[in-house]
């Protein structure tokens, strides 16, 4: 859409207002001029001629104002059509954001669920016994699976151009990778 001069309407309105003020001033001067001498009559005739000239300028300024107003209204209607046409794009983006945010929320819940898995592994009947290497490897494989989901979500968010979500999912992926590697070392792999 071509950029229109935003001051066209203001300029036309100001020109109309100036001519209206001139017309008002001349009209009052004409009505207040005494008609008692030749000089006064000449002044009144001159003022009447100025009023006629001012009326022509006022009419032209009024037409220019109507044209500027019509143009401004047309630009507003055109923009309104573009806005309405763009609404489905916004709705689609909002829906996609909602879907990916939901996936991130589900992933975060699954990561939180690891605490229960770890607590269950520690609850092997003897509180003095640490978790086994097999327990560490099992939890490590779960952490890597969650890390892979976070990485996939980060890629999907990046492709959808939702960079904040991409950053969050990528950071989660990196944290889970670091945790998974530490668990693998504990497990002996």
C-alpha atoms as a PDB file:
ATOM      1  CA  UNK A   1       0.000   0.000   0.000  1.00  0.00           C
ATOM      2  CA  UNK A   2       1.422   3.364  -1.040  1.00  0.00           C
ATOM      3  CA  UNK A   3       2.077   5.814   1.731  1.00  0.00           C
ATOM      4  CA  UNK A   4      -0.273   8.786   1.513  1.00  0.00           C
ATOM      5  CA  UNK A   5       0.494  12.306   2.700  1.00  0.00           C
ATOM      6  CA  UNK A   6      -0.959  12.253   6.215  1.00  0.00           C
ATOM      7  CA  UNK A   7      -1.319  16.023   6.243  1.00  0.00           C
ATOM      8  CA  UNK A   8      -3.514  16.354   3.112  1.00  0.00           C
ATOM      9  CA  UNK A   9      -6.718  16.381   5.152  1.00  0.00           C
ATOM     10  CA  UNK A  10      -5.260  18.728   7.770  1.00  0.00           C
ATOM     11  CA  UNK A  11      -3.960  21.071   5.071  1.00  0.00           C
ATOM     12  CA  UNK A  12      -7.343  21.164   3.312  1.00  0.00           C
ATOM     13  CA  UNK A  13      -9.157  21.743   6.618  1.00  0.00           C
ATOM     14  CA  UNK A  14      -6.770  24.550   7.561  1.00  0.00           C
ATOM     15  CA  UNK A  15      -7.228  26.226   4.154  1.00  0.00           C
ATOM     16  CA  UNK A  16     -11.013  25.994   4.474  1.00  0.00           C
ATOM     17  CA  UNK A  17     -10.863  27.351   8.034  1.00  0.00           C
ATOM     18  CA  UNK A  18      -8.670  30.288   6.929  1.00  0.00           C
ATOM     19  CA  UNK A  19     -11.042  31.211   4.086  1.00  0.00           C
ATOM     20  CA  UNK A  20     -14.016  30.896   6.436  1.00  0.00           C
ATOM     21  CA  UNK A  21     -12.324  33.238   8.914  1.00  0.00           C
ATOM     22  CA  UNK A  22     -11.631  35.731   6.120  1.00  0.00           C
ATOM     23  CA  UNK A  23     -15.229  35.507   4.935  1.00  0.00           C
ATOM     24  CA  UNK A  24     -16.482  36.063   8.483  1.00  0.00           C
ATOM     25  CA  UNK A  25     -14.217  39.079   8.966  1.00  0.00           C
ATOM     26  CA  UNK A  26     -15.234  40.614   5.626  1.00  0.00           C
ATOM     27  CA  UNK A  27     -18.920  39.932   6.239  1.00  0.00           C
ATOM     28  CA  UNK A  28     -18.841  41.680   9.624  1.00  0.00           C
ATOM     29  CA  UNK A  29     -16.874  44.590   8.139  1.00  0.00           C
ATOM     30  CA  UNK A  30     -19.442  44.955   5.329  1.00  0.00           C
ATOM     31  CA  UNK A  31     -22.378  44.865   7.739  1.00  0.00           C
ATOM     32  CA  UNK A  32     -20.771  47.386  10.099  1.00  0.00           C
ATOM     33  CA  UNK A  33     -19.696  49.858   7.414  1.00  0.00           C
ATOM     34  CA  UNK A  34     -21.887  52.950   7.523  1.00  0.00           C
ATOM     35  CA  UNK A  35     -23.457  53.935   4.238  1.00  0.00           C
ATOM     36  CA  UNK A  36     -23.561  57.645   4.973  1.00  0.00           C
ATOM     37  CA  UNK A  37     -20.800  58.983   2.718  1.00  0.00           C
ATOM     38  CA  UNK A  38     -19.297  58.383  -0.710  1.00  0.00           C
ATOM     39  CA  UNK A  39     -16.113  57.085   0.930  1.00  0.00           C
ATOM     40  CA  UNK A  40     -18.164  54.622   3.028  1.00  0.00           C
ATOM     41  CA  UNK A  41     -20.109  53.491  -0.036  1.00  0.00           C
ATOM     42  CA  UNK A  42     -16.856  52.928  -1.961  1.00  0.00           C
ATOM     43  CA  UNK A  43     -15.465  50.965   0.998  1.00  0.00           C
ATOM     44  CA  UNK A  44     -18.694  48.880   1.204  1.00  0.00           C
ATOM     45  CA  UNK A  45     -18.577  48.157  -2.572  1.00  0.00           C
ATOM     46  CA  UNK A  46     -14.897  47.169  -2.318  1.00  0.00           C
ATOM     47  CA  UNK A  47     -15.629  44.911   0.684  1.00  0.00           C
ATOM     48  CA  UNK A  48     -18.551  43.329  -1.214  1.00  0.00           C
ATOM     49  CA  UNK A  49     -16.202  42.547  -4.103  1.00  0.00           C
ATOM     50  CA  UNK A  50     -13.727  40.989  -1.651  1.00  0.00           C
ATOM     51  CA  UNK A  51     -16.578  38.910  -0.172  1.00  0.00           C
ATOM     52  CA  UNK A  52     -17.482  37.618  -3.643  1.00  0.00           C
ATOM     53  CA  UNK A  53     -13.850  36.693  -4.298  1.00  0.00           C
ATOM     54  CA  UNK A  54     -13.621  35.076  -0.873  1.00  0.00           C
ATOM     55  CA  UNK A  55     -16.781  33.043  -1.571  1.00  0.00           C
ATOM     56  CA  UNK A  56     -15.110  31.601  -4.675  1.00  0.00           C
ATOM     57  CA  UNK A  57     -12.002  30.681  -2.665  1.00  0.00           C
ATOM     58  CA  UNK A  58     -14.203  29.282   0.130  1.00  0.00           C
ATOM     59  CA  UNK A  59     -16.088  27.126  -2.365  1.00  0.00           C
ATOM     60  CA  UNK A  60     -12.801  25.837  -3.860  1.00  0.00           C
ATOM     61  CA  UNK A  61     -11.414  25.165  -0.358  1.00  0.00           C
ATOM     62  CA  UNK A  62     -14.637  23.339   0.542  1.00  0.00           C
ATOM     63  CA  UNK A  63     -14.330  21.151  -2.546  1.00  0.00           C
ATOM     64  CA  UNK A  64     -10.685  20.444  -1.720  1.00  0.00           C
ATOM     65  CA  UNK A  65     -11.729  19.515   1.825  1.00  0.00           C
ATOM     66  CA  UNK A  66     -14.402  17.136   0.525  1.00  0.00           C
ATOM     67  CA  UNK A  67     -11.857  15.521  -1.809  1.00  0.00           C
ATOM     68  CA  UNK A  68      -9.278  15.197   0.996  1.00  0.00           C
ATOM     69  CA  UNK A  69     -11.913  13.776   3.342  1.00  0.00           C
ATOM     70  CA  UNK A  70     -13.059  11.317   0.690  1.00  0.00           C
ATOM     71  CA  UNK A  71      -9.444  10.256   0.081  1.00  0.00           C
ATOM     72  CA  UNK A  72      -8.806   9.817   3.788  1.00  0.00           C
ATOM     73  CA  UNK A  73     -11.979   7.765   4.137  1.00  0.00           C
ATOM     74  CA  UNK A  74     -10.999   5.590   1.167  1.00  0.00           C
ATOM     75  CA  UNK A  75      -7.538   4.979   2.642  1.00  0.00           C
ATOM     76  CA  UNK A  76      -9.157   4.034   5.963  1.00  0.00           C
ATOM     77  CA  UNK A  77     -11.554   1.616   4.215  1.00  0.00           C
ATOM     78  CA  UNK A  78      -8.699   0.061   2.233  1.00  0.00           C
ATOM     79  CA  UNK A  79      -6.670  -0.372   5.412  1.00  0.00           C
ATOM     80  CA  UNK A  80      -9.688  -1.856   7.187  1.00  0.00           C
ATOM     81  CA  UNK A  81     -10.001  -4.457   4.411  1.00  0.00           C
ATOM     82  CA  UNK A  82      -6.317  -5.336   4.777  1.00  0.00           C
ATOM     83  CA  UNK A  83      -6.701  -5.608   8.559  1.00  0.00           C
ATOM     84  CA  UNK A  84      -9.684  -7.941   8.203  1.00  0.00           C
ATOM     85  CA  UNK A  85      -7.816 -10.026   5.619  1.00  0.00           C
ATOM     86  CA  UNK A  86      -4.830 -10.319   8.002  1.00  0.00           C
ATOM     87  CA  UNK A  87      -6.892 -11.547  10.980  1.00  0.00           C
ATOM     88  CA  UNK A  88      -6.799 -15.234   9.881  1.00  0.00           C
ATOM     89  CA  UNK A  89      -2.980 -15.059   9.825  1.00  0.00           C
ATOM     90  CA  UNK A  90      -2.982 -13.824  13.407  1.00  0.00           C
ATOM     91  CA  UNK A  91      -5.468 -16.505  14.444  1.00  0.00           C
ATOM     92  CA  UNK A  92      -3.345 -19.214  12.822  1.00  0.00           C
ATOM     93  CA  UNK A  93      -0.196 -17.931  14.540  1.00  0.00           C
ATOM     94  CA  UNK A  94      -1.986 -17.761  17.886  1.00  0.00           C
ATOM     95  CA  UNK A  95      -3.213 -21.341  17.405  1.00  0.00           C
ATOM     96  CA  UNK A  96       0.267 -22.559  16.507  1.00  0.00           C
ATOM     97  CA  UNK A  97       1.735 -20.772  19.529  1.00  0.00           C
ATOM     98  CA  UNK A  98      -0.923 -22.353  21.743  1.00  0.00           C
ATOM     99  CA  UNK A  99      -0.126 -25.820  20.368  1.00  0.00           C
ATOM    100  CA  UNK A 100       3.623 -25.473  20.824  1.00  0.00           C
ATOM    101  CA  UNK A 101       3.249 -23.884  24.262  1.00  0.00           C
ATOM    102  CA  UNK A 102       1.052 -26.830  25.230  1.00  0.00           C
ATOM    103  CA  UNK A 103       3.751 -29.215  24.000  1.00  0.00           C
ATOM    104  CA  UNK A 104       6.341 -27.354  26.051  1.00  0.00           C
ATOM    105  CA  UNK A 105       4.065 -27.531  29.108  1.00  0.00           C
ATOM    106  CA  UNK A 106       3.597 -31.285  28.624  1.00  0.00           C
ATOM    107  CA  UNK A 107       7.341 -31.715  28.257  1.00  0.00           C
ATOM    108  CA  UNK A 108       7.971 -29.688  31.420  1.00  0.00           C
ATOM    109  CA  UNK A 109       5.482 -31.899  33.301  1.00  0.00           C
ATOM    110  CA  UNK A 110       7.246 -35.007  32.008  1.00  0.00           C
ATOM    111  CA  UNK A 111      10.592 -33.606  33.169  1.00  0.00           C
ATOM    112  CA  UNK A 112       9.054 -32.927  36.573  1.00  0.00           C
ATOM    113  CA  UNK A 113       7.869 -36.533  36.582  1.00  0.00           C
ATOM    114  CA  UNK A 114      11.511 -37.604  36.578  1.00  0.00           C
ATOM    115  CA  UNK A 115      11.682 -36.620  40.228  1.00  0.00           C
ATOM    116  CA  UNK A 116       9.139 -39.311  41.029  1.00  0.00           C
ATOM    117  CA  UNK A 117      11.080 -41.884  39.000  1.00  0.00           C
ATOM    118  CA  UNK A 118      14.292 -40.942  40.809  1.00  0.00           C
ATOM    119  CA  UNK A 119      12.561 -41.008  44.189  1.00  0.00           C
ATOM    120  CA  UNK A 120      11.164 -44.458  43.371  1.00  0.00           C
ATOM    121  CA  UNK A 121      14.655 -45.668  42.396  1.00  0.00           C
ATOM    122  CA  UNK A 122      16.025 -44.387  45.729  1.00  0.00           C
ATOM    123  CA  UNK A 123      13.242 -46.213  47.537  1.00  0.00           C
ATOM    124  CA  UNK A 124      14.794 -49.662  47.035  1.00  0.00           C
ATOM    125  CA  UNK A 125      14.002 -50.766  50.531  1.00  0.00           C
ATOM    126  CA  UNK A 126      17.297 -49.779  52.095  1.00  0.00           C
ATOM    127  CA  UNK A 127      17.841 -46.070  52.633  1.00  0.00           C
ATOM    128  CA  UNK A 128      21.571 -46.631  53.160  1.00  0.00           C
ATOM    129  CA  UNK A 129      22.028 -48.105  49.661  1.00  0.00           C
ATOM    130  CA  UNK A 130      22.586 -45.662  46.781  1.00  0.00           C
ATOM    131  CA  UNK A 131      20.827 -46.205  43.456  1.00  0.00           C
ATOM    132  CA  UNK A 132      22.453 -48.784  41.247  1.00  0.00           C
ATOM    133  CA  UNK A 133      24.315 -48.150  38.010  1.00  0.00           C
ATOM    134  CA  UNK A 134      21.382 -49.710  36.178  1.00  0.00           C
ATOM    135  CA  UNK A 135      19.049 -47.216  37.863  1.00  0.00           C
ATOM    136  CA  UNK A 136      21.276 -44.339  36.720  1.00  0.00           C
ATOM    137  CA  UNK A 137      21.367 -45.676  33.135  1.00  0.00           C
ATOM    138  CA  UNK A 138      17.589 -46.120  33.093  1.00  0.00           C
ATOM    139  CA  UNK A 139      17.006 -42.559  34.291  1.00  0.00           C
ATOM    140  CA  UNK A 140      19.676 -41.356  31.860  1.00  0.00           C
ATOM    141  CA  UNK A 141      17.840 -42.932  28.916  1.00  0.00           C
ATOM    142  CA  UNK A 142      14.606 -41.231  30.034  1.00  0.00           C
ATOM    143  CA  UNK A 143      16.421 -37.900  30.310  1.00  0.00           C
ATOM    144  CA  UNK A 144      17.877 -38.296  26.804  1.00  0.00           C
ATOM    145  CA  UNK A 145      14.428 -39.151  25.426  1.00  0.00           C
ATOM    146  CA  UNK A 146      13.036 -35.981  27.000  1.00  0.00           C
ATOM    147  CA  UNK A 147      16.026 -34.060  25.669  1.00  0.00           C
ATOM    148  CA  UNK A 148      15.276 -35.315  22.154  1.00  0.00           C
ATOM    149  CA  UNK A 149      11.655 -34.156  22.496  1.00  0.00           C
ATOM    150  CA  UNK A 150      12.878 -30.738  23.655  1.00  0.00           C
ATOM    151  CA  UNK A 151      15.264 -30.536  20.699  1.00  0.00           C
ATOM    152  CA  UNK A 152      12.472 -31.450  18.270  1.00  0.00           C
ATOM    153  CA  UNK A 153      10.190 -28.856  19.856  1.00  0.00           C
ATOM    154  CA  UNK A 154      12.976 -26.260  19.533  1.00  0.00           C
ATOM    155  CA  UNK A 155      13.328 -27.074  15.809  1.00  0.00           C
ATOM    156  CA  UNK A 156       9.571 -26.897  15.282  1.00  0.00           C
ATOM    157  CA  UNK A 157       9.341 -23.562  17.116  1.00  0.00           C
ATOM    158  CA  UNK A 158      12.261 -22.195  15.072  1.00  0.00           C
ATOM    159  CA  UNK A 159      10.599 -23.292  11.812  1.00  0.00           C
ATOM    160  CA  UNK A 160       7.370 -21.625  12.998  1.00  0.00           C
ATOM    161  CA  UNK A 161       9.393 -18.445  13.676  1.00  0.00           C
ATOM    162  CA  UNK A 162       8.469 -18.487  17.364  1.00  0.00           C
ATOM    163  CA  UNK A 163      11.927 -17.624  18.617  1.00  0.00           C
ATOM    164  CA  UNK A 164      11.105 -17.187  22.319  1.00  0.00           C
ATOM    165  CA  UNK A 165       9.634 -20.684  22.428  1.00  0.00           C
ATOM    166  CA  UNK A 166      12.591 -21.987  20.419  1.00  0.00           C
ATOM    167  CA  UNK A 167      14.994 -20.502  22.962  1.00  0.00           C
ATOM    168  CA  UNK A 168      13.131 -22.034  25.911  1.00  0.00           C
ATOM    169  CA  UNK A 169      12.924 -25.493  24.325  1.00  0.00           C
ATOM    170  CA  UNK A 170      16.570 -25.371  23.234  1.00  0.00           C
ATOM    171  CA  UNK A 171      17.698 -24.382  26.740  1.00  0.00           C
ATOM    172  CA  UNK A 172      15.692 -27.282  28.187  1.00  0.00           C
ATOM    173  CA  UNK A 173      17.285 -29.625  25.642  1.00  0.00           C
ATOM    174  CA  UNK A 174      20.785 -28.495  26.655  1.00  0.00           C
ATOM    175  CA  UNK A 175      20.073 -28.864  30.394  1.00  0.00           C
ATOM    176  CA  UNK A 176      18.653 -32.338  29.876  1.00  0.00           C
ATOM    177  CA  UNK A 177      21.659 -33.343  27.743  1.00  0.00           C
ATOM    178  CA  UNK A 178      24.029 -32.265  30.516  1.00  0.00           C
ATOM    179  CA  UNK A 179      22.023 -34.179  33.145  1.00  0.00           C
ATOM    180  CA  UNK A 180      21.800 -37.271  30.921  1.00  0.00           C
ATOM    181  CA  UNK A 181      25.571 -37.302  30.362  1.00  0.00           C
ATOM    182  CA  UNK A 182      26.247 -37.029  34.094  1.00  0.00           C
ATOM    183  CA  UNK A 183      23.861 -39.927  34.766  1.00  0.00           C
ATOM    184  CA  UNK A 184      25.607 -42.018  32.086  1.00  0.00           C
ATOM    185  CA  UNK A 185      28.953 -41.437  33.811  1.00  0.00           C
ATOM    186  CA  UNK A 186      27.432 -42.514  37.136  1.00  0.00           C
ATOM    187  CA  UNK A 187      25.978 -45.584  35.429  1.00  0.00           C
ATOM    188  CA  UNK A 188      29.359 -46.508  34.016  1.00  0.00           C
ATOM    189  CA  UNK A 189      28.689 -46.046  30.318  1.00  0.00           C
END
